[in-house]
Amino acid sequence: MSKVELKERILKLVILSTQIIVAISLFGWILYLLQFPLPHYFSQTDSFYSHEVYYLFLVNQTSDIISIPRFAGMFLEPGHLGTMCCFLLHIGGYKLSKIGNIVLLLGIIFSLSL
């Protein structure tokens, strides 16, 4: 029941916030892949989710079979990140001339969820 202008402003805020969060997490993820020592701790949120929390991103510990770590950012699973970034890229018209959309695309690629 809100005005269209308000809905558009909220959507832009959500997209920008997600782009900033993914960009910060990607920076930490690249440091992690380059094996920089980063402070972290282990978290068991319930019987299914267990993560190493690196403050800038999470690393899933659910499967020891996978040798390539998947980027999940601040989300519980890489699929959550990939799905949301895909929807936000679609809403943005896949315009890769914008740096924020490139960040979302990199988040999708590093999540390995497509």
N, C-alpha and C. Protein backbone atom coordinates (compact mmCIF):
# COMPACT_ATOMS: atom_id res chain seq x y z
N MET A 1 0.81 -1.19 0.00
CA MET A 1 0.00 0.00 0.00
C MET A 1 0.86 1.26 0.00
N SER A 2 2.17 1.07 -0.02
CA SER A 2 3.08 2.22 -0.07
C SER A 2 3.14 2.77 -1.49
N LYS A 3 3.63 3.97 -1.60
CA LYS A 3 3.80 4.58 -2.91
C LYS A 3 4.93 3.88 -3.66
N VAL A 4 4.85 3.92 -4.96
CA VAL A 4 5.84 3.26 -5.81
C VAL A 4 7.23 3.86 -5.57
N GLU A 5 7.30 5.16 -5.38
CA GLU A 5 8.59 5.82 -5.15
C GLU A 5 9.27 5.29 -3.89
N LEU A 6 8.48 5.06 -2.84
CA LEU A 6 9.04 4.52 -1.59
C LEU A 6 9.53 3.09 -1.79
N LYS A 7 8.77 2.29 -2.53
CA LYS A 7 9.18 0.92 -2.82
C LYS A 7 10.48 0.89 -3.61
N GLU A 8 10.61 1.80 -4.58
CA GLU A 8 11.83 1.86 -5.37
C GLU A 8 13.02 2.28 -4.52
N ARG A 9 12.83 3.21 -3.61
CA ARG A 9 13.92 3.64 -2.73
C ARG A 9 14.34 2.51 -1.79
N ILE A 10 13.37 1.75 -1.28
CA ILE A 10 13.70 0.62 -0.41
C ILE A 10 14.46 -0.44 -1.19
N LEU A 11 14.02 -0.73 -2.42
CA LEU A 11 14.71 -1.71 -3.26
C LEU A 11 16.14 -1.28 -3.54
N LYS A 12 16.35 0.00 -3.88
CA LYS A 12 17.70 0.50 -4.12
C LYS A 12 18.57 0.38 -2.87
N LEU A 13 17.98 0.62 -1.70
CA LEU A 13 18.72 0.47 -0.45
C LEU A 13 19.11 -0.99 -0.20
N VAL A 14 18.19 -1.91 -0.47
CA VAL A 14 18.48 -3.33 -0.29
C VAL A 14 19.58 -3.77 -1.26
N ILE A 15 19.50 -3.34 -2.51
CA ILE A 15 20.52 -3.71 -3.50
C ILE A 15 21.88 -3.15 -3.09
N LEU A 16 21.93 -1.88 -2.73
CA LEU A 16 23.20 -1.26 -2.33
C LEU A 16 23.77 -1.93 -1.09
N SER A 17 22.92 -2.22 -0.11
CA SER A 17 23.39 -2.88 1.11
C SER A 17 23.97 -4.26 0.80
N THR A 18 23.30 -5.01 -0.05
CA THR A 18 23.78 -6.34 -0.42
C THR A 18 25.10 -6.24 -1.17
N GLN A 19 25.22 -5.27 -2.07
CA GLN A 19 26.47 -5.09 -2.81
C GLN A 19 27.63 -4.76 -1.88
N ILE A 20 27.39 -3.91 -0.89
CA ILE A 20 28.44 -3.55 0.06
C ILE A 20 28.83 -4.76 0.90
N ILE A 21 27.84 -5.51 1.39
CA ILE A 21 28.13 -6.69 2.21
C ILE A 21 28.92 -7.73 1.41
N VAL A 22 28.51 -7.98 0.17
CA VAL A 22 29.20 -8.96 -0.67
C VAL A 22 30.61 -8.48 -0.98
N ALA A 23 30.79 -7.19 -1.24
CA ALA A 23 32.13 -6.66 -1.54
C ALA A 23 33.07 -6.83 -0.36
N ILE A 24 32.61 -6.51 0.84
CA ILE A 24 33.45 -6.66 2.04
C ILE A 24 33.77 -8.13 2.27
N SER A 25 32.76 -8.99 2.12
CA SER A 25 32.98 -10.43 2.31
C SER A 25 33.93 -10.99 1.25
N LEU A 26 33.80 -10.52 0.01
CA LEU A 26 34.70 -10.98 -1.05
C LEU A 26 36.15 -10.61 -0.77
N PHE A 27 36.37 -9.43 -0.22
CA PHE A 27 37.72 -9.02 0.14
C PHE A 27 38.31 -10.00 1.16
N GLY A 28 37.55 -10.31 2.19
CA GLY A 28 38.00 -11.28 3.19
C GLY A 28 38.18 -12.67 2.60
N TRP A 29 37.28 -13.06 1.69
CA TRP A 29 37.35 -14.38 1.06
C TRP A 29 38.63 -14.54 0.24
N ILE A 30 38.98 -13.49 -0.50
CA ILE A 30 40.21 -13.55 -1.29
C ILE A 30 41.42 -13.67 -0.38
N LEU A 31 41.42 -12.95 0.74
CA LEU A 31 42.51 -13.10 1.72
C LEU A 31 42.55 -14.53 2.26
N TYR A 32 41.37 -15.11 2.50
CA TYR A 32 41.28 -16.49 2.99
C TYR A 32 41.86 -17.46 1.95
N LEU A 33 41.49 -17.27 0.68
CA LEU A 33 42.01 -18.16 -0.37
C LEU A 33 43.51 -18.02 -0.56
N LEU A 34 44.05 -16.82 -0.28
CA LEU A 34 45.49 -16.60 -0.35
C LEU A 34 46.20 -17.06 0.92
N GLN A 35 45.44 -17.65 1.84
CA GLN A 35 45.92 -18.25 3.08
C GLN A 35 46.54 -17.23 4.04
N PHE A 36 45.98 -16.02 4.08
CA PHE A 36 46.36 -15.07 5.11
C PHE A 36 45.77 -15.54 6.43
N PRO A 37 46.51 -15.44 7.52
CA PRO A 37 45.93 -15.83 8.81
C PRO A 37 44.90 -14.80 9.26
N LEU A 38 43.68 -15.23 9.40
CA LEU A 38 42.59 -14.35 9.81
C LEU A 38 42.00 -14.86 11.12
N PRO A 39 41.60 -13.97 12.02
CA PRO A 39 40.97 -14.43 13.26
C PRO A 39 39.62 -15.08 12.96
N HIS A 40 39.34 -16.15 13.67
CA HIS A 40 38.08 -16.85 13.45
C HIS A 40 37.74 -17.71 14.67
N TYR A 41 36.51 -18.20 14.68
CA TYR A 41 36.07 -19.15 15.71
C TYR A 41 35.06 -20.10 15.08
N PHE A 42 34.78 -21.19 15.76
CA PHE A 42 33.86 -22.21 15.27
C PHE A 42 32.49 -21.99 15.90
N SER A 43 31.44 -22.15 15.09
CA SER A 43 30.08 -21.97 15.59
C SER A 43 29.20 -23.12 15.11
N GLN A 44 28.50 -23.72 16.03
CA GLN A 44 27.52 -24.78 15.73
C GLN A 44 26.15 -24.19 16.03
N THR A 45 25.44 -23.68 14.99
CA THR A 45 24.18 -22.99 15.22
C THR A 45 23.03 -23.94 15.52
N ASP A 46 23.03 -25.10 14.90
CA ASP A 46 22.06 -26.15 15.21
C ASP A 46 22.64 -27.48 14.75
N SER A 47 21.83 -28.50 14.66
CA SER A 47 22.37 -29.82 14.30
C SER A 47 22.81 -29.90 12.84
N PHE A 48 22.38 -28.96 12.01
CA PHE A 48 22.74 -29.02 10.60
C PHE A 48 23.86 -28.07 10.23
N TYR A 49 23.84 -26.84 10.74
CA TYR A 49 24.81 -25.83 10.34
C TYR A 49 25.97 -25.75 11.31
N SER A 50 27.17 -25.86 10.78
CA SER A 50 28.37 -25.57 11.55
C SER A 50 29.29 -24.76 10.64
N HIS A 51 29.84 -23.69 11.20
CA HIS A 51 30.63 -22.75 10.41
C HIS A 51 31.90 -22.36 11.15
N GLU A 52 32.88 -21.97 10.36
CA GLU A 52 33.99 -21.20 10.89
C GLU A 52 33.64 -19.75 10.59
N VAL A 53 33.56 -18.95 11.60
CA VAL A 53 33.18 -17.54 11.45
C VAL A 53 34.45 -16.71 11.38
N TYR A 54 34.67 -16.06 10.25
CA TYR A 54 35.85 -15.24 10.04
C TYR A 54 35.54 -13.75 10.14
N TYR A 55 34.45 -13.39 10.76
CA TYR A 55 34.00 -12.01 10.98
C TYR A 55 33.56 -11.33 9.70
N LEU A 56 34.21 -11.54 8.58
CA LEU A 56 33.79 -10.94 7.31
C LEU A 56 33.00 -11.92 6.45
N PHE A 57 33.09 -13.20 6.74
CA PHE A 57 32.41 -14.24 5.97
C PHE A 57 32.34 -15.51 6.80
N LEU A 58 31.56 -16.47 6.30
CA LEU A 58 31.42 -17.77 6.94
C LEU A 58 31.97 -18.86 6.02
N VAL A 59 32.54 -19.89 6.62
CA VAL A 59 32.98 -21.06 5.86
C VAL A 59 32.19 -22.25 6.38
N ASN A 60 31.44 -22.90 5.48
CA ASN A 60 30.64 -24.05 5.87
C ASN A 60 31.53 -25.23 6.23
N GLN A 61 31.16 -25.94 7.27
CA GLN A 61 31.89 -27.13 7.70
C GLN A 61 31.02 -28.37 7.60
N THR A 62 29.97 -28.32 6.76
CA THR A 62 29.02 -29.43 6.71
C THR A 62 29.54 -30.64 5.95
N SER A 63 30.45 -30.45 5.02
CA SER A 63 30.92 -31.58 4.22
C SER A 63 32.44 -31.52 4.09
N ASP A 64 33.08 -32.62 4.45
CA ASP A 64 34.53 -32.72 4.29
C ASP A 64 34.91 -33.29 2.93
N ILE A 65 33.92 -33.69 2.14
CA ILE A 65 34.19 -34.30 0.84
C ILE A 65 34.63 -33.23 -0.16
N ILE A 66 34.04 -32.04 -0.08
CA ILE A 66 34.33 -30.98 -1.05
C ILE A 66 35.69 -30.37 -0.73
N SER A 67 36.59 -30.40 -1.71
CA SER A 67 37.92 -29.85 -1.48
C SER A 67 38.01 -28.37 -1.82
N ILE A 68 37.07 -27.87 -2.64
CA ILE A 68 37.06 -26.46 -3.00
C ILE A 68 36.05 -25.75 -2.12
N PRO A 69 36.50 -24.79 -1.32
CA PRO A 69 35.54 -24.08 -0.47
C PRO A 69 34.64 -23.18 -1.30
N ARG A 70 33.37 -23.08 -0.90
CA ARG A 70 32.40 -22.26 -1.60
C ARG A 70 32.14 -20.99 -0.81
N PHE A 71 32.06 -19.86 -1.50
CA PHE A 71 31.86 -18.56 -0.88
C PHE A 71 30.40 -18.41 -0.48
N ALA A 72 30.16 -18.17 0.81
CA ALA A 72 28.81 -17.95 1.30
C ALA A 72 28.62 -16.54 1.84
N GLY A 73 29.70 -15.78 1.92
CA GLY A 73 29.59 -14.43 2.48
C GLY A 73 29.09 -14.47 3.90
N MET A 74 28.10 -13.66 4.21
CA MET A 74 27.52 -13.63 5.55
C MET A 74 26.27 -14.50 5.64
N PHE A 75 25.99 -15.28 4.60
CA PHE A 75 24.80 -16.12 4.57
C PHE A 75 25.14 -17.52 5.06
N LEU A 76 24.13 -18.28 5.44
CA LEU A 76 24.37 -19.61 5.99
C LEU A 76 24.86 -20.60 4.93
N GLU A 77 24.40 -20.43 3.69
CA GLU A 77 24.80 -21.35 2.64
C GLU A 77 25.16 -20.57 1.37
N PRO A 78 26.05 -21.11 0.55
CA PRO A 78 26.40 -20.44 -0.71
C PRO A 78 25.19 -20.28 -1.64
N GLY A 79 24.25 -21.21 -1.58
CA GLY A 79 23.06 -21.11 -2.41
C GLY A 79 22.20 -19.91 -2.06
N HIS A 80 22.15 -19.56 -0.79
CA HIS A 80 21.40 -18.37 -0.38
C HIS A 80 21.99 -17.13 -1.02
N LEU A 81 23.31 -17.01 -0.96
CA LEU A 81 24.00 -15.87 -1.56
C LEU A 81 23.80 -15.85 -3.07
N GLY A 82 24.00 -16.99 -3.73
CA GLY A 82 23.89 -17.06 -5.18
C GLY A 82 22.49 -16.72 -5.67
N THR A 83 21.48 -17.23 -5.00
CA THR A 83 20.11 -16.97 -5.41
C THR A 83 19.77 -15.50 -5.27
N MET A 84 20.12 -14.91 -4.14
CA MET A 84 19.80 -13.50 -3.93
C MET A 84 20.54 -12.61 -4.92
N CYS A 85 21.81 -12.91 -5.15
CA CYS A 85 22.59 -12.10 -6.10
C CYS A 85 22.03 -12.24 -7.51
N CYS A 86 21.58 -13.43 -7.89
CA CYS A 86 20.97 -13.61 -9.22
C CYS A 86 19.72 -12.76 -9.37
N PHE A 87 18.86 -12.78 -8.35
CA PHE A 87 17.65 -11.97 -8.42
C PHE A 87 17.97 -10.48 -8.49
N LEU A 88 18.94 -10.03 -7.71
CA LEU A 88 19.29 -8.62 -7.71
C LEU A 88 19.94 -8.22 -9.03
N LEU A 89 20.72 -9.10 -9.63
CA LEU A 89 21.28 -8.82 -10.96
C LEU A 89 20.17 -8.72 -12.00
N HIS A 90 19.18 -9.59 -11.90
CA HIS A 90 18.06 -9.55 -12.84
C HIS A 90 17.27 -8.25 -12.70
N ILE A 91 17.03 -7.85 -11.47
CA ILE A 91 16.32 -6.59 -11.23
C ILE A 91 17.12 -5.42 -11.80
N GLY A 92 18.45 -5.47 -11.68
CA GLY A 92 19.31 -4.42 -12.20
C GLY A 92 19.54 -4.48 -13.70
N GLY A 93 18.92 -5.43 -14.37
CA GLY A 93 19.03 -5.52 -15.83
C GLY A 93 20.36 -6.06 -16.31
N TYR A 94 21.10 -6.74 -15.46
CA TYR A 94 22.40 -7.34 -15.81
C TYR A 94 23.38 -6.31 -16.38
N LYS A 95 23.29 -5.08 -15.93
CA LYS A 95 24.18 -4.02 -16.41
C LYS A 95 25.52 -4.14 -15.72
N LEU A 96 26.48 -4.76 -16.40
CA LEU A 96 27.80 -4.97 -15.82
C LEU A 96 28.69 -3.74 -15.95
N SER A 97 28.13 -2.64 -16.42
CA SER A 97 28.88 -1.39 -16.42
C SER A 97 28.90 -0.76 -15.02
N LYS A 98 28.02 -1.25 -14.14
CA LYS A 98 27.99 -0.77 -12.76
C LYS A 98 28.85 -1.69 -11.90
N ILE A 99 29.70 -1.09 -11.08
CA ILE A 99 30.63 -1.86 -10.24
C ILE A 99 29.89 -2.74 -9.24
N GLY A 100 28.75 -2.27 -8.75
CA GLY A 100 27.97 -3.06 -7.80
C GLY A 100 27.46 -4.35 -8.40
N ASN A 101 27.07 -4.31 -9.67
CA ASN A 101 26.61 -5.53 -10.33
C ASN A 101 27.76 -6.49 -10.60
N ILE A 102 28.95 -5.96 -10.83
CA ILE A 102 30.12 -6.82 -10.99
C ILE A 102 30.42 -7.54 -9.67
N VAL A 103 30.26 -6.83 -8.56
CA VAL A 103 30.46 -7.44 -7.24
C VAL A 103 29.46 -8.58 -7.04
N LEU A 104 28.20 -8.35 -7.41
CA LEU A 104 27.19 -9.41 -7.29
C LEU A 104 27.54 -10.60 -8.17
N LEU A 105 28.02 -10.35 -9.38
CA LEU A 105 28.42 -11.43 -10.28
C LEU A 105 29.59 -12.22 -9.71
N LEU A 106 30.57 -11.53 -9.14
CA LEU A 106 31.70 -12.23 -8.51
C LEU A 106 31.24 -13.08 -7.33
N GLY A 107 30.27 -12.56 -6.58
CA GLY A 107 29.70 -13.35 -5.48
C GLY A 107 29.07 -14.64 -5.98
N ILE A 108 28.37 -14.55 -7.11
CA ILE A 108 27.75 -15.74 -7.70
C ILE A 108 28.82 -16.72 -8.16
N ILE A 109 29.84 -16.21 -8.83
CA ILE A 109 30.90 -17.08 -9.36
C ILE A 109 31.64 -17.80 -8.24
N PHE A 110 32.03 -17.06 -7.18
CA PHE A 110 32.77 -17.68 -6.07
C PHE A 110 31.89 -18.61 -5.24
N SER A 111 30.58 -18.44 -5.29
CA SER A 111 29.71 -19.34 -4.51
C SER A 111 29.60 -20.72 -5.16
N LEU A 112 29.93 -20.80 -6.43
CA LEU A 112 29.85 -22.07 -7.17
C LEU A 112 28.48 -22.71 -7.07
N SER A 113 27.43 -21.91 -7.05
CA SER A 113 26.10 -22.46 -6.84
C SER A 113 25.25 -22.47 -8.09
N LEU A 114 25.82 -22.17 -9.24
CA LEU A 114 25.02 -22.22 -10.46
C LEU A 114 25.34 -23.45 -11.29
